[in-house]
Amino acid sequence: MKEKIIRAKNIKGDVIFDGKVIFKNDCVVEGSIRARTIIAEQSIEAGGSIEAGGSIKAGGSIFSFIFDIQAKNLTTKTLPFYRKYWAEMPPLKKWRDKILDESLCWDDYRNEMITKAEAEKICKWNGWHPLLRAHLEMFFGLKDKVML
């Protein structure tokens, strides 16, 4: 399979490639991302859709501003958005002050503060967009990857 390595942090327009695209840095693509396989060593954001014929895997978060991500499966452990967003979500209000405490790491929530049962309850909330629920399920270690 052909590979395309991208080191840019910002790309105007689309990234379309008939093979595997590997993003080496955090990258914001103003348009859409389309490839057979997408690997982001850190995080990727797209102003349009993110589509892979196979899988999308990221060391950081995966975010489409139009919430259109299509792939056979999605793998990440990092949440998109910032602390303030998550602190205001109804299922997380109980931990609002701790979420906003920048002396704590995201791993503190996952490993010490929120139990598995609480994480399952958080993820079951009906108000989540399916992509955000997928991010949460992987963040909390409830799933290793999410089939889309």
C-alpha atoms as a PDB file:
ATOM      1  CA  MET A   1       0.000   0.000   0.000  1.00  0.00           C
ATOM      2  CA  LYS A   2       1.225   3.471  -0.834  1.00  0.00           C
ATOM      3  CA  GLU A   3       2.036   5.763   2.095  1.00  0.00           C
ATOM      4  CA  LYS A   4       1.977   9.518   2.379  1.00  0.00           C
ATOM      5  CA  ILE A   5       3.675  11.118   5.384  1.00  0.00           C
ATOM      6  CA  ILE A   6       2.448  14.557   6.419  1.00  0.00           C
ATOM      7  CA  ARG A   7       4.489  16.702   8.778  1.00  0.00           C
ATOM      8  CA  ALA A   8       2.543  19.954   8.296  1.00  0.00           C
ATOM      9  CA  LYS A   9       0.563  21.331  11.209  1.00  0.00           C
ATOM     10  CA  ASN A  10      -1.972  23.216   9.061  1.00  0.00           C
ATOM     11  CA  ILE A  11      -3.237  22.310   5.610  1.00  0.00           C
ATOM     12  CA  LYS A  12      -5.495  24.466   3.456  1.00  0.00           C
ATOM     13  CA  GLY A  13      -7.902  22.407   1.379  1.00  0.00           C
ATOM     14  CA  ASP A  14      -8.348  18.624   1.420  1.00  0.00           C
ATOM     15  CA  VAL A  15      -6.035  15.664   2.016  1.00  0.00           C
ATOM     16  CA  ILE A  16      -7.099  12.921  -0.410  1.00  0.00           C
ATOM     17  CA  PHE A  17      -4.851   9.908  -0.987  1.00  0.00           C
ATOM     18  CA  ASP A  18      -5.400   6.365  -2.253  1.00  0.00           C
ATOM     19  CA  GLY A  19      -3.339   4.625   0.412  1.00  0.00           C
ATOM     20  CA  LYS A  20      -2.201   5.189   3.990  1.00  0.00           C
ATOM     21  CA  VAL A  21      -1.830   8.736   5.318  1.00  0.00           C
ATOM     22  CA  ILE A  22       0.387   9.206   8.372  1.00  0.00           C
ATOM     23  CA  PHE A  23       0.199  12.529  10.206  1.00  0.00           C
ATOM     24  CA  LYS A  24       3.434  12.989  12.192  1.00  0.00           C
ATOM     25  CA  ASN A  25       2.286  16.075  14.151  1.00  0.00           C
ATOM     26  CA  ASP A  26      -0.944  17.560  15.447  1.00  0.00           C
ATOM     27  CA  CYS A  27      -2.599  18.702  12.240  1.00  0.00           C
ATOM     28  CA  VAL A  28      -5.588  20.844  11.324  1.00  0.00           C
ATOM     29  CA  VAL A  29      -6.899  20.288   7.803  1.00  0.00           C
ATOM     30  CA  GLU A  30      -9.251  23.018   6.609  1.00  0.00           C
ATOM     31  CA  GLY A  31     -11.060  20.637   4.256  1.00  0.00           C
ATOM     32  CA  SER A  32     -11.719  16.903   4.370  1.00  0.00           C
ATOM     33  CA  ILE A  33      -9.374  13.947   4.901  1.00  0.00           C
ATOM     34  CA  ARG A  34      -9.886  10.817   2.777  1.00  0.00           C
ATOM     35  CA  ALA A  35      -7.593   7.790   2.586  1.00  0.00           C
ATOM     36  CA  ARG A  36      -7.670   4.007   2.888  1.00  0.00           C
ATOM     37  CA  THR A  37      -6.046   4.166   6.328  1.00  0.00           C
ATOM     38  CA  ILE A  38      -5.406   7.211   8.506  1.00  0.00           C
ATOM     39  CA  ILE A  39      -2.821   7.222  11.280  1.00  0.00           C
ATOM     40  CA  ALA A  40      -2.290  10.312  13.400  1.00  0.00           C
ATOM     41  CA  GLU A  41       0.663  10.024  15.732  1.00  0.00           C
ATOM     42  CA  GLN A  42      -0.907  12.891  17.675  1.00  0.00           C
ATOM     43  CA  SER A  43      -4.287  14.577  16.967  1.00  0.00           C
ATOM     44  CA  ILE A  44      -6.075  15.466  13.746  1.00  0.00           C
ATOM     45  CA  GLU A  45      -8.896  17.907  13.078  1.00  0.00           C
ATOM     46  CA  ALA A  46     -10.727  18.463   9.828  1.00  0.00           C
ATOM     47  CA  GLY A  47     -13.059  21.244   8.780  1.00  0.00           C
ATOM     48  CA  GLY A  48     -14.872  18.689   6.641  1.00  0.00           C
ATOM     49  CA  SER A  49     -15.283  14.933   6.883  1.00  0.00           C
ATOM     50  CA  ILE A  50     -12.679  12.343   7.844  1.00  0.00           C
ATOM     51  CA  GLU A  51     -13.111   9.141   5.832  1.00  0.00           C
ATOM     52  CA  ALA A  52     -11.060   5.952   5.760  1.00  0.00           C
ATOM     53  CA  GLY A  53     -11.807   2.784   3.814  1.00  0.00           C
ATOM     54  CA  GLY A  54     -10.192   0.925   6.706  1.00  0.00           C
ATOM     55  CA  SER A  55      -9.271   2.246  10.120  1.00  0.00           C
ATOM     56  CA  ILE A  56      -8.452   5.548  11.773  1.00  0.00           C
ATOM     57  CA  LYS A  57      -5.955   5.406  14.634  1.00  0.00           C
ATOM     58  CA  ALA A  58      -4.670   8.352  16.643  1.00  0.00           C
ATOM     59  CA  GLY A  59      -2.299   8.888  19.529  1.00  0.00           C
ATOM     60  CA  GLY A  60      -4.391  11.953  20.325  1.00  0.00           C
ATOM     61  CA  SER A  61      -7.920  12.977  19.412  1.00  0.00           C
ATOM     62  CA  ILE A  62      -9.772  12.740  16.114  1.00  0.00           C
ATOM     63  CA  PHE A  63     -12.204  15.552  15.351  1.00  0.00           C
ATOM     64  CA  SER A  64     -14.332  16.614  12.408  1.00  0.00           C
ATOM     65  CA  PHE A  65     -15.951  20.044  12.770  1.00  0.00           C
ATOM     66  CA  ILE A  66     -19.020  18.710  10.956  1.00  0.00           C
ATOM     67  CA  PHE A  67     -18.991  15.513  13.075  1.00  0.00           C
ATOM     68  CA  ASP A  68     -18.618  13.307  10.011  1.00  0.00           C
ATOM     69  CA  ILE A  69     -16.104  10.526  10.613  1.00  0.00           C
ATOM     70  CA  GLN A  70     -16.405   7.333   8.592  1.00  0.00           C
ATOM     71  CA  ALA A  71     -14.228   4.252   8.942  1.00  0.00           C
ATOM     72  CA  LYS A  72     -14.475   0.569   9.770  1.00  0.00           C
ATOM     73  CA  ASN A  73     -13.125   1.364  13.229  1.00  0.00           C
ATOM     74  CA  LEU A  74     -11.808   4.226  15.286  1.00  0.00           C
ATOM     75  CA  THR A  75      -9.055   4.048  17.927  1.00  0.00           C
ATOM     76  CA  THR A  76      -7.983   6.832  20.281  1.00  0.00           C
ATOM     77  CA  LYS A  77      -7.547   7.417  24.005  1.00  0.00           C
ATOM     78  CA  THR A  78      -7.739  11.211  23.983  1.00  0.00           C
ATOM     79  CA  LEU A  79     -10.806  13.417  24.218  1.00  0.00           C
ATOM     80  CA  PRO A  80     -11.369  16.304  21.798  1.00  0.00           C
ATOM     81  CA  PHE A  81     -12.172  19.785  23.121  1.00  0.00           C
ATOM     82  CA  TYR A  82     -10.942  21.345  26.322  1.00  0.00           C
ATOM     83  CA  ARG A  83     -11.610  20.902  30.026  1.00  0.00           C
ATOM     84  CA  LYS A  84     -14.340  23.540  30.161  1.00  0.00           C
ATOM     85  CA  TYR A  85     -16.462  21.639  27.607  1.00  0.00           C
ATOM     86  CA  TRP A  86     -16.310  18.356  29.529  1.00  0.00           C
ATOM     87  CA  ALA A  87     -16.806  20.079  32.910  1.00  0.00           C
ATOM     88  CA  GLU A  88     -20.148  21.480  31.698  1.00  0.00           C
ATOM     89  CA  MET A  89     -21.549  18.192  30.389  1.00  0.00           C
ATOM     90  CA  PRO A  90     -24.400  16.978  32.637  1.00  0.00           C
ATOM     91  CA  PRO A  91     -22.980  13.485  33.374  1.00  0.00           C
ATOM     92  CA  LEU A  92     -19.636  15.027  34.425  1.00  0.00           C
ATOM     93  CA  LYS A  93     -20.925  17.930  36.570  1.00  0.00           C
ATOM     94  CA  LYS A  94     -20.129  15.963  39.753  1.00  0.00           C
ATOM     95  CA  TRP A  95     -16.410  16.278  38.886  1.00  0.00           C
ATOM     96  CA  ARG A  96     -16.596  19.830  37.440  1.00  0.00           C
ATOM     97  CA  ASP A  97     -14.121  21.450  39.848  1.00  0.00           C
ATOM     98  CA  LYS A  98     -11.631  18.608  39.476  1.00  0.00           C
ATOM     99  CA  ILE A  99     -11.915  18.632  35.678  1.00  0.00           C
ATOM    100  CA  LEU A 100     -11.160  22.360  35.668  1.00  0.00           C
ATOM    101  CA  ASP A 101      -8.183  21.873  38.029  1.00  0.00           C
ATOM    102  CA  GLU A 102      -5.219  22.054  35.655  1.00  0.00           C
ATOM    103  CA  SER A 103      -2.895  20.546  38.252  1.00  0.00           C
ATOM    104  CA  LEU A 104      -4.641  17.226  37.555  1.00  0.00           C
ATOM    105  CA  CYS A 105      -3.887  15.173  34.453  1.00  0.00           C
ATOM    106  CA  TRP A 106      -6.506  13.477  32.294  1.00  0.00           C
ATOM    107  CA  ASP A 107      -5.107  10.138  33.508  1.00  0.00           C
ATOM    108  CA  ASP A 108      -6.175  11.093  37.053  1.00  0.00           C
ATOM    109  CA  TYR A 109      -9.831  11.013  35.977  1.00  0.00           C
ATOM    110  CA  ARG A 110      -9.444   7.774  34.101  1.00  0.00           C
ATOM    111  CA  ASN A 111      -7.364   5.922  36.697  1.00  0.00           C
ATOM    112  CA  GLU A 112      -8.218   7.356  40.107  1.00  0.00           C
ATOM    113  CA  MET A 113     -11.260   9.587  40.257  1.00  0.00           C
ATOM    114  CA  ILE A 114     -13.980   7.908  38.176  1.00  0.00           C
ATOM    115  CA  THR A 115     -14.798   4.235  38.749  1.00  0.00           C
ATOM    116  CA  LYS A 116     -15.569   1.850  35.914  1.00  0.00           C
ATOM    117  CA  ALA A 117     -19.247   1.805  36.932  1.00  0.00           C
ATOM    118  CA  GLU A 118     -19.356   5.622  36.902  1.00  0.00           C
ATOM    119  CA  ALA A 119     -17.610   5.695  33.505  1.00  0.00           C
ATOM    120  CA  GLU A 120     -20.172   3.267  32.092  1.00  0.00           C
ATOM    121  CA  LYS A 121     -23.001   5.466  33.425  1.00  0.00           C
ATOM    122  CA  ILE A 122     -21.361   8.600  31.957  1.00  0.00           C
ATOM    123  CA  CYS A 123     -21.061   6.935  28.543  1.00  0.00           C
ATOM    124  CA  LYS A 124     -24.680   5.721  28.551  1.00  0.00           C
ATOM    125  CA  TRP A 125     -26.066   9.264  28.796  1.00  0.00           C
ATOM    126  CA  ASN A 126     -28.445   9.840  25.840  1.00  0.00           C
ATOM    127  CA  GLY A 127     -27.159  13.378  25.202  1.00  0.00           C
ATOM    128  CA  TRP A 128     -23.809  12.343  23.692  1.00  0.00           C
ATOM    129  CA  HIS A 129     -23.213  12.547  19.973  1.00  0.00           C
ATOM    130  CA  PRO A 130     -22.170   8.998  18.927  1.00  0.00           C
ATOM    131  CA  LEU A 131     -18.615  10.160  18.114  1.00  0.00           C
ATOM    132  CA  LEU A 132     -18.194  11.793  21.514  1.00  0.00           C
ATOM    133  CA  ARG A 133     -19.543   8.651  23.204  1.00  0.00           C
ATOM    134  CA  ALA A 134     -16.976   6.627  21.234  1.00  0.00           C
ATOM    135  CA  HIS A 135     -14.186   8.944  22.399  1.00  0.00           C
ATOM    136  CA  LEU A 136     -15.359   8.603  26.014  1.00  0.00           C
ATOM    137  CA  GLU A 137     -15.628   4.802  25.837  1.00  0.00           C
ATOM    138  CA  MET A 138     -12.039   4.564  24.634  1.00  0.00           C
ATOM    139  CA  PHE A 139     -10.799   7.297  27.003  1.00  0.00           C
ATOM    140  CA  PHE A 140     -12.178   5.396  30.003  1.00  0.00           C
ATOM    141  CA  GLY A 141     -10.803   2.078  28.692  1.00  0.00           C
ATOM    142  CA  LEU A 142     -14.257   0.565  28.286  1.00  0.00           C
ATOM    143  CA  LYS A 143     -13.392  -0.243  24.658  1.00  0.00           C
ATOM    144  CA  ASP A 144     -10.064  -0.515  22.832  1.00  0.00           C
ATOM    145  CA  LYS A 145     -11.636   0.587  19.557  1.00  0.00           C
ATOM    146  CA  VAL A 146     -15.082   1.470  18.307  1.00  0.00           C
ATOM    147  CA  MET A 147     -16.598  -0.055  15.213  1.00  0.00           C
ATOM    148  CA  LEU A 148     -18.353   2.602  13.109  1.00  0.00           C
END
